[in-house]
Amino acid sequence: MNEQAGPERLSVLRSTVDGVTVVTVTGEIDHQTSGALRDALTPADPAPGTRTVADLSGVPFMDSSGINVLIAGHQAHQPTGWLRLAGVRRPVLRTLEIVGLTPLIACYPSVHDALED
């Protein structure tokens, strides 16, 4: 799946690695683009134990809309599944830390690390 919001503003690709959905995001996440990310992070099959890694290494900016999408994505994977973030750039990571999201959603340096843990 490849969805683009706006002219080259956000690219969202979904793939599966060893039964885990990997969502690769490139571009800025804001009010206008967050819908594509929300759709990608919502499990297609809400079966117990659904697992997703969101690769945010290509995201230079995220506003409160993105924070809300991550919270909703986390909740959609509960109670037995998980949402993990990978490759979060420092400015975005700082925002996640400030709003207290990092204790709720685990952040990893890479997709590989998120899949291995």
C-alpha atoms as a PDB file:
ATOM      1  CA  MET A   1       0.000   0.000   0.000  1.00  0.00           C
ATOM      2  CA  ASN A   2       1.370   3.407  -0.916  1.00  0.00           C
ATOM      3  CA  GLU A   3      -0.674   6.431   0.032  1.00  0.00           C
ATOM      4  CA  GLN A   4       0.343   9.999  -0.589  1.00  0.00           C
ATOM      5  CA  ALA A   5      -1.237  12.969   1.121  1.00  0.00           C
ATOM      6  CA  GLY A   6      -0.739  16.166  -0.808  1.00  0.00           C
ATOM      7  CA  PRO A   7       1.908  16.750  -3.457  1.00  0.00           C
ATOM      8  CA  GLU A   8       4.845  14.611  -2.277  1.00  0.00           C
ATOM      9  CA  ARG A   9       4.139  15.582   1.350  1.00  0.00           C
ATOM     10  CA  LEU A  10       3.769  12.147   2.904  1.00  0.00           C
ATOM     11  CA  SER A  11       4.452   8.633   1.706  1.00  0.00           C
ATOM     12  CA  VAL A  12       3.198   5.661   3.702  1.00  0.00           C
ATOM     13  CA  LEU A  13       4.217   2.129   2.702  1.00  0.00           C
ATOM     14  CA  ARG A  14       3.012  -1.050   4.424  1.00  0.00           C
ATOM     15  CA  SER A  15       4.825  -4.371   4.284  1.00  0.00           C
ATOM     16  CA  THR A  16       4.996  -7.513   6.390  1.00  0.00           C
ATOM     17  CA  VAL A  17       8.156  -8.954   7.924  1.00  0.00           C
ATOM     18  CA  ASP A  18       7.852 -12.241   9.815  1.00  0.00           C
ATOM     19  CA  GLY A  19       4.177 -11.587  10.605  1.00  0.00           C
ATOM     20  CA  VAL A  20       4.798  -8.016  11.783  1.00  0.00           C
ATOM     21  CA  THR A  21       3.375  -5.080   9.838  1.00  0.00           C
ATOM     22  CA  VAL A  22       6.065  -2.516   9.022  1.00  0.00           C
ATOM     23  CA  VAL A  23       4.789   0.952   8.146  1.00  0.00           C
ATOM     24  CA  THR A  24       7.461   3.109   6.511  1.00  0.00           C
ATOM     25  CA  VAL A  25       6.672   6.810   6.642  1.00  0.00           C
ATOM     26  CA  THR A  26       8.437   9.573   4.709  1.00  0.00           C
ATOM     27  CA  GLY A  27       7.549  13.260   4.982  1.00  0.00           C
ATOM     28  CA  GLU A  28       5.940  15.607   7.468  1.00  0.00           C
ATOM     29  CA  ILE A  29       3.079  14.468   9.670  1.00  0.00           C
ATOM     30  CA  ASP A  30       0.581  17.236  10.327  1.00  0.00           C
ATOM     31  CA  HIS A  31      -3.165  17.889  10.263  1.00  0.00           C
ATOM     32  CA  GLN A  32      -3.342  17.551   6.475  1.00  0.00           C
ATOM     33  CA  THR A  33      -1.349  14.313   6.228  1.00  0.00           C
ATOM     34  CA  SER A  34      -2.139  12.460   9.460  1.00  0.00           C
ATOM     35  CA  GLY A  35      -5.124  10.579   7.994  1.00  0.00           C
ATOM     36  CA  ALA A  36      -2.889   8.448   5.781  1.00  0.00           C
ATOM     37  CA  LEU A  37      -0.792   7.490   8.804  1.00  0.00           C
ATOM     38  CA  ARG A  38      -3.900   6.764  10.893  1.00  0.00           C
ATOM     39  CA  ASP A  39      -5.168   4.387   8.205  1.00  0.00           C
ATOM     40  CA  ALA A  40      -1.799   2.618   7.975  1.00  0.00           C
ATOM     41  CA  LEU A  41      -1.436   2.148  11.738  1.00  0.00           C
ATOM     42  CA  THR A  42      -4.943   0.793  12.217  1.00  0.00           C
ATOM     43  CA  PRO A  43      -4.687  -3.003  12.061  1.00  0.00           C
ATOM     44  CA  ALA A  44      -6.431  -4.420   9.007  1.00  0.00           C
ATOM     45  CA  ASP A  45      -7.277  -7.501  11.071  1.00  0.00           C
ATOM     46  CA  PRO A  46      -8.002  -6.520  14.668  1.00  0.00           C
ATOM     47  CA  ALA A  47      -7.023  -9.979  15.894  1.00  0.00           C
ATOM     48  CA  PRO A  48      -5.399 -10.276  19.305  1.00  0.00           C
ATOM     49  CA  GLY A  49      -1.631  -9.971  19.217  1.00  0.00           C
ATOM     50  CA  THR A  50      -1.400  -7.654  16.195  1.00  0.00           C
ATOM     51  CA  ARG A  51       2.106  -6.170  15.970  1.00  0.00           C
ATOM     52  CA  THR A  52       3.245  -3.102  14.036  1.00  0.00           C
ATOM     53  CA  VAL A  53       6.539  -1.238  13.674  1.00  0.00           C
ATOM     54  CA  ALA A  54       6.312   2.331  12.391  1.00  0.00           C
ATOM     55  CA  ASP A  55       9.563   3.352  10.708  1.00  0.00           C
ATOM     56  CA  LEU A  56       9.717   7.119  11.243  1.00  0.00           C
ATOM     57  CA  SER A  57      13.311   7.587  10.057  1.00  0.00           C
ATOM     58  CA  GLY A  58      12.005   9.604   7.093  1.00  0.00           C
ATOM     59  CA  VAL A  59       9.883  11.957   9.238  1.00  0.00           C
ATOM     60  CA  PRO A  60      11.548  15.320   9.954  1.00  0.00           C
ATOM     61  CA  PHE A  61       8.489  16.927  11.595  1.00  0.00           C
ATOM     62  CA  MET A  62       5.399  15.812  13.504  1.00  0.00           C
ATOM     63  CA  ASP A  63       2.759  18.034  15.093  1.00  0.00           C
ATOM     64  CA  SER A  64       0.058  17.179  17.630  1.00  0.00           C
ATOM     65  CA  SER A  65      -1.999  15.463  14.915  1.00  0.00           C
ATOM     66  CA  GLY A  66       0.745  12.873  14.586  1.00  0.00           C
ATOM     67  CA  ILE A  67       0.893  12.426  18.354  1.00  0.00           C
ATOM     68  CA  ASN A  68      -2.856  11.736  18.384  1.00  0.00           C
ATOM     69  CA  VAL A  69      -2.466   9.199  15.560  1.00  0.00           C
ATOM     70  CA  LEU A  70       0.279   7.371  17.467  1.00  0.00           C
ATOM     71  CA  ILE A  71      -1.864   7.219  20.608  1.00  0.00           C
ATOM     72  CA  ALA A  72      -4.825   5.881  18.603  1.00  0.00           C
ATOM     73  CA  GLY A  73      -2.535   3.357  16.896  1.00  0.00           C
ATOM     74  CA  HIS A  74      -1.188   2.200  20.241  1.00  0.00           C
ATOM     75  CA  GLN A  75      -4.722   1.766  21.591  1.00  0.00           C
ATOM     76  CA  ALA A  76      -5.810  -0.145  18.472  1.00  0.00           C
ATOM     77  CA  HIS A  77      -3.129  -2.773  19.193  1.00  0.00           C
ATOM     78  CA  GLN A  78      -4.134  -3.311  22.818  1.00  0.00           C
ATOM     79  CA  PRO A  79      -4.444  -5.344  24.939  1.00  0.00           C
ATOM     80  CA  THR A  80      -2.238  -8.133  23.545  1.00  0.00           C
ATOM     81  CA  GLY A  81      -0.468  -6.593  20.549  1.00  0.00           C
ATOM     82  CA  TRP A  82       1.952  -3.721  20.226  1.00  0.00           C
ATOM     83  CA  LEU A  83       2.990  -0.672  18.229  1.00  0.00           C
ATOM     84  CA  ARG A  84       6.698   0.176  18.191  1.00  0.00           C
ATOM     85  CA  LEU A  85       8.488   3.141  16.659  1.00  0.00           C
ATOM     86  CA  ALA A  86      11.796   2.856  14.828  1.00  0.00           C
ATOM     87  CA  GLY A  87      14.392   5.349  13.634  1.00  0.00           C
ATOM     88  CA  VAL A  88      12.715   8.367  15.214  1.00  0.00           C
ATOM     89  CA  ARG A  89      14.716  11.502  14.417  1.00  0.00           C
ATOM     90  CA  ARG A  90      15.851  13.655  17.322  1.00  0.00           C
ATOM     91  CA  PRO A  91      13.380  16.587  16.808  1.00  0.00           C
ATOM     92  CA  VAL A  92      10.417  14.190  16.614  1.00  0.00           C
ATOM     93  CA  LEU A  93      11.743  12.076  19.482  1.00  0.00           C
ATOM     94  CA  ARG A  94      12.066  15.190  21.635  1.00  0.00           C
ATOM     95  CA  THR A  95       8.388  15.992  20.993  1.00  0.00           C
ATOM     96  CA  LEU A  96       7.406  12.432  21.928  1.00  0.00           C
ATOM     97  CA  GLU A  97       9.442  12.727  25.127  1.00  0.00           C
ATOM     98  CA  ILE A  98       7.922  16.099  26.068  1.00  0.00           C
ATOM     99  CA  VAL A  99       4.355  14.825  25.763  1.00  0.00           C
ATOM    100  CA  GLY A 100       5.212  11.637  27.679  1.00  0.00           C
ATOM    101  CA  LEU A 101       4.637   9.171  24.847  1.00  0.00           C
ATOM    102  CA  THR A 102       7.960   7.310  25.040  1.00  0.00           C
ATOM    103  CA  PRO A 103       7.029   5.305  28.165  1.00  0.00           C
ATOM    104  CA  LEU A 104       3.825   4.221  26.388  1.00  0.00           C
ATOM    105  CA  ILE A 105       5.219   3.383  22.935  1.00  0.00           C
ATOM    106  CA  ALA A 106       8.697   1.871  22.746  1.00  0.00           C
ATOM    107  CA  CYS A 107      11.221   3.566  20.437  1.00  0.00           C
ATOM    108  CA  TYR A 108      14.069   1.665  18.759  1.00  0.00           C
ATOM    109  CA  PRO A 109      17.054   2.851  16.730  1.00  0.00           C
ATOM    110  CA  SER A 110      16.039   0.769  13.687  1.00  0.00           C
ATOM    111  CA  VAL A 111      13.316  -1.470  12.298  1.00  0.00           C
ATOM    112  CA  HIS A 112      15.651  -4.416  12.780  1.00  0.00           C
ATOM    113  CA  ASP A 113      16.010  -3.627  16.502  1.00  0.00           C
ATOM    114  CA  ALA A 114      12.243  -3.223  16.897  1.00  0.00           C
ATOM    115  CA  LEU A 115      11.627  -6.585  15.244  1.00  0.00           C
ATOM    116  CA  GLU A 116      14.302  -8.396  17.251  1.00  0.00           C
ATOM    117  CA  ASP A 117      13.210  -7.268  20.730  1.00  0.00           C
END
